[in-house]
Amino acid sequence: MLRQQPDTTAMSTPGTGHDLHLEQPENLHTALADFLEGLA
């Protein structure tokens, strides 16, 4: 996907599975806030 969409942002969070929103919600919220701030 990164090759097809060069403007894509990839993120990896060690110690989580498919439920990042349940396992590490604070990391998800921080990442989303940083991403959204970058759009402004």
N, C-alpha and C. Protein backbone atom coordinates (compact mmCIF):
# COMPACT_ATOMS: atom_id res chain seq x y z
N MET A 1 0.82 -1.19 0.00
CA MET A 1 0.00 0.00 0.00
C MET A 1 0.86 1.25 0.00
N LEU A 2 1.95 1.22 0.75
CA LEU A 2 2.81 2.41 0.79
C LEU A 2 3.42 2.72 -0.57
N ARG A 3 3.69 1.69 -1.37
CA ARG A 3 4.23 1.93 -2.71
C ARG A 3 3.16 2.50 -3.63
N GLN A 4 1.93 2.05 -3.47
CA GLN A 4 0.84 2.51 -4.32
C GLN A 4 0.35 3.91 -3.93
N GLN A 5 0.41 4.21 -2.65
CA GLN A 5 -0.06 5.50 -2.12
C GLN A 5 1.07 6.16 -1.32
N PRO A 6 1.96 6.86 -1.99
CA PRO A 6 3.13 7.41 -1.29
C PRO A 6 2.79 8.38 -0.16
N ASP A 7 1.61 8.97 -0.17
CA ASP A 7 1.24 9.91 0.89
C ASP A 7 0.63 9.21 2.10
N THR A 8 0.61 7.88 2.08
CA THR A 8 0.06 7.10 3.18
C THR A 8 0.97 7.17 4.39
N THR A 9 0.39 7.22 5.55
CA THR A 9 1.15 7.21 6.79
C THR A 9 1.02 5.82 7.42
N ALA A 10 2.15 5.20 7.69
CA ALA A 10 2.15 3.88 8.33
C ALA A 10 2.51 4.05 9.80
N MET A 11 1.92 3.19 10.62
CA MET A 11 2.18 3.25 12.05
C MET A 11 2.24 1.83 12.60
N SER A 12 3.17 1.59 13.47
CA SER A 12 3.28 0.29 14.13
C SER A 12 3.31 0.53 15.63
N THR A 13 2.53 -0.26 16.36
CA THR A 13 2.51 -0.14 17.81
C THR A 13 2.84 -1.49 18.42
N PRO A 14 4.06 -1.66 18.88
CA PRO A 14 4.47 -2.94 19.46
C PRO A 14 3.59 -3.33 20.66
N GLY A 15 3.35 -4.60 20.79
CA GLY A 15 2.59 -5.10 21.92
C GLY A 15 1.09 -5.06 21.75
N THR A 16 0.62 -4.77 20.53
CA THR A 16 -0.81 -4.76 20.28
C THR A 16 -1.15 -5.71 19.15
N GLY A 17 -2.41 -6.07 19.10
CA GLY A 17 -2.90 -6.92 18.01
C GLY A 17 -3.83 -6.11 17.14
N HIS A 18 -4.99 -6.68 16.84
CA HIS A 18 -5.96 -6.01 15.98
C HIS A 18 -6.84 -5.03 16.73
N ASP A 19 -6.77 -5.03 18.05
CA ASP A 19 -7.65 -4.18 18.85
C ASP A 19 -6.88 -3.04 19.53
N LEU A 20 -6.14 -2.30 18.76
CA LEU A 20 -5.37 -1.18 19.30
C LEU A 20 -6.26 -0.24 20.10
N HIS A 21 -7.47 0.00 19.61
CA HIS A 21 -8.39 0.91 20.29
C HIS A 21 -8.78 0.42 21.69
N LEU A 22 -8.66 -0.88 21.93
CA LEU A 22 -8.96 -1.43 23.25
C LEU A 22 -7.69 -1.66 24.08
N GLU A 23 -6.62 -2.05 23.40
CA GLU A 23 -5.39 -2.42 24.10
C GLU A 23 -4.55 -1.21 24.51
N GLN A 24 -4.49 -0.22 23.65
CA GLN A 24 -3.68 0.98 23.93
C GLN A 24 -4.39 2.22 23.39
N PRO A 25 -5.56 2.53 23.94
CA PRO A 25 -6.34 3.65 23.39
C PRO A 25 -5.60 4.99 23.45
N GLU A 26 -4.76 5.18 24.47
CA GLU A 26 -4.04 6.46 24.57
C GLU A 26 -3.08 6.64 23.40
N ASN A 27 -2.43 5.56 22.97
CA ASN A 27 -1.52 5.65 21.82
C ASN A 27 -2.30 5.94 20.54
N LEU A 28 -3.45 5.32 20.38
CA LEU A 28 -4.28 5.58 19.21
C LEU A 28 -4.75 7.02 19.20
N HIS A 29 -5.23 7.52 20.32
CA HIS A 29 -5.72 8.89 20.39
C HIS A 29 -4.61 9.89 20.08
N THR A 30 -3.43 9.64 20.60
CA THR A 30 -2.29 10.53 20.33
C THR A 30 -1.94 10.52 18.84
N ALA A 31 -1.88 9.33 18.26
CA ALA A 31 -1.54 9.21 16.84
C ALA A 31 -2.58 9.89 15.97
N LEU A 32 -3.85 9.69 16.29
CA LEU A 32 -4.91 10.33 15.51
C LEU A 32 -4.89 11.85 15.65
N ALA A 33 -4.67 12.32 16.85
CA ALA A 33 -4.61 13.77 17.08
C ALA A 33 -3.44 14.38 16.31
N ASP A 34 -2.28 13.72 16.36
CA ASP A 34 -1.12 14.21 15.61
C ASP A 34 -1.40 14.23 14.12
N PHE A 35 -2.03 13.18 13.62
CA PHE A 35 -2.35 13.11 12.19
C PHE A 35 -3.32 14.23 11.81
N LEU A 36 -4.37 14.40 12.57
CA LEU A 36 -5.38 15.43 12.26
C LEU A 36 -4.79 16.84 12.34
N GLU A 37 -3.93 17.07 13.31
CA GLU A 37 -3.27 18.39 13.42
C GLU A 37 -2.41 18.66 12.20
N GLY A 38 -1.80 17.61 11.65
CA GLY A 38 -0.97 17.76 10.46
C GLY A 38 -1.76 18.10 9.22
N LEU A 39 -3.06 17.86 9.23
CA LEU A 39 -3.89 18.19 8.07
C LEU A 39 -4.27 19.66 8.04
N ALA A 40 -4.23 20.30 9.19
CA ALA A 40 -4.67 21.70 9.29
C ALA A 40 -3.67 22.65 8.69
